[in-house]
Protein backbone atom coordinates (compact mmCIF):
# COMPACT_ATOMS: atom_id res chain seq x y z
CA MET A 1 11.70 10.88 -12.44
CA LYS A 2 13.05 9.51 -9.34
CA THR A 3 11.75 6.54 -7.17
CA ALA A 4 10.35 7.39 -3.69
CA ALA A 5 13.16 5.79 -2.09
CA GLU A 6 15.63 8.12 -4.05
CA LEU A 7 13.54 11.32 -2.97
CA LEU A 8 13.46 10.36 0.71
CA LYS A 9 17.54 9.79 0.66
CA LEU A 10 17.55 13.45 -0.66
CA LEU A 11 15.10 14.78 1.86
CA LEU A 12 16.92 12.91 4.81
CA PRO A 13 19.36 14.95 6.89
CA PRO A 14 23.02 13.99 5.62
CA ASP A 15 23.90 12.18 8.86
CA ALA A 16 20.74 10.20 8.74
CA GLY A 17 21.44 6.38 8.51
CA THR A 18 19.59 4.77 5.40
CA ASP A 19 19.18 1.65 6.38
CA GLU A 20 17.32 0.29 3.60
CA ASP A 21 14.71 -2.13 5.59
CA ARG A 22 13.75 1.03 7.42
CA LEU A 23 13.17 2.99 4.40
CA GLY A 24 11.47 0.56 3.16
CA VAL A 25 8.77 0.18 5.81
CA LEU A 26 8.41 3.89 5.99
CA LEU A 27 7.77 4.12 2.55
CA LEU A 28 5.48 1.29 2.50
CA GLN A 29 3.49 2.75 5.66
CA ALA A 30 3.51 6.30 3.63
CA GLU A 31 2.01 4.32 0.35
CA ASN A 32 -0.42 2.40 2.05
CA THR A 33 -1.73 5.89 4.03
CA ILE A 34 -2.10 7.32 0.94
CA LEU A 35 -4.12 4.69 -1.13
CA ASP A 36 -6.31 3.99 1.88
CA ILE A 37 -6.87 7.92 1.58
CA ILE A 38 -7.43 8.00 -2.31
CA GLY A 39 -9.24 4.19 -2.36
CA ARG A 40 -7.21 2.86 -5.11
CA ASP A 41 -5.01 0.11 -5.39
CA ALA A 42 -2.15 1.53 -7.13
CA LEU A 43 -0.20 4.77 -6.33
CA PRO A 44 -0.14 7.48 -9.31
CA GLU A 45 3.30 8.41 -10.28
CA ARG A 46 2.70 11.94 -9.50
CA LEU A 47 2.18 11.03 -5.99
CA THR A 48 5.51 9.61 -5.62
CA ASP A 49 7.07 13.06 -4.11
CA VAL A 50 3.99 13.02 -1.37
CA GLN A 51 4.78 9.42 -0.43
CA ALA A 52 8.51 10.32 0.14
CA ALA A 53 7.43 13.62 2.23
CA LEU A 54 5.11 11.77 4.25
CA ALA A 55 8.01 8.99 5.03
CA LEU A 56 10.06 11.43 6.02
CA ILE A 57 7.52 12.86 8.20
CA TYR A 58 6.99 9.21 9.90
CA TYR A 59 10.91 9.01 9.90
CA ASN A 60 10.77 12.56 12.08
CA ARG A 61 7.95 11.19 14.32
CA ALA A 62 9.86 7.78 15.27
CA GLY A 63 10.10 7.61 19.12
CA ALA A 64 7.47 10.43 19.54
CA GLU A 65 4.53 8.16 18.53
CA GLY A 66 1.35 9.33 20.39
CA GLU A 67 2.98 12.96 21.45
CA LYS A 68 1.50 15.98 20.49
CA LYS A 69 3.94 18.22 21.97
CA ARG A 70 7.26 17.75 24.00
CA THR A 71 9.39 19.97 26.33
CA GLU A 72 12.59 19.03 27.40
CA GLY A 73 14.20 22.60 29.30
CA ASP A 74 14.09 25.27 27.38
CA VAL A 75 13.42 23.19 24.22
CA SER A 76 9.71 22.61 23.00
CA MET A 77 8.61 20.78 19.89
CA SER A 78 5.06 20.26 18.53
CA TYR A 79 3.56 17.95 16.31
CA ILE A 80 1.38 17.84 13.75
CA ASP A 81 -1.57 15.72 14.34
CA GLY A 82 -2.56 13.89 10.96
CA LEU A 83 -1.41 14.93 7.45
CA PRO A 84 -0.04 18.69 6.40
CA ASP A 85 -2.58 20.79 4.71
CA GLU A 86 -0.12 20.93 1.74
CA MET A 87 -0.34 16.91 1.50
CA LYS A 88 -4.38 17.05 1.83
CA ARG A 89 -4.67 19.45 -1.27
CA ARG A 90 -2.76 17.05 -3.37
CA LEU A 91 -4.69 14.06 -2.37
CA LYS A 92 -7.86 15.66 -2.80
CA ASN A 93 -6.92 16.03 -6.73
CA TYR A 94 -7.57 12.04 -6.47
CA PRO A 95 -11.00 11.34 -5.47
CA ARG A 96 -11.87 7.95 -4.13
CA LYS A 97 -13.28 5.39 -6.72
CA VAL A 98 -16.86 4.77 -6.48
CA GLY A 99 -16.39 1.15 -6.62
CA ALA A 100 -13.94 1.29 -3.66
CA VAL A 101 -16.28 3.31 -1.44
CA TYR A 102 -19.01 0.79 -2.36
CA ALA A 103 -16.78 -2.21 -1.67
CA ALA A 104 -15.82 -1.16 1.69
CA ARG A 105 -19.21 -0.24 2.87
CA SER A 106 -20.53 -3.55 1.56
CA GLN A 107 -17.94 -5.52 3.48
CA GLN A 108 -18.48 -3.41 6.38
CA THR A 109 -22.33 -4.55 6.33
CA SER A 110 -21.78 -7.86 5.89
CA GLN A 111 -19.08 -8.37 8.71
CA ASP A 112 -21.77 -6.48 11.21
């Protein structure tokens, strides 16, 4: 099985730069997002492709943070808000651990 970094490089356009540091940051952001959603400490191996796909979304959104739509002349681009539906369906197969939910609520209550 390929690593998330190898998958991301395959998903990127051929002319894209493959700055290892930048790709590493994108993969880290994607991993943290997924872990926050599923409430786990480690990324299940089966979600490696989701991590790479989400990192690709982050790559494509670079420079357009906060925008929902952009028009330049006759060219119009729209951006997805949040995760694509296909990705959400995949992550639903990994329900949050009960302890993770309880721990998050306990921390929030103790900080208030």
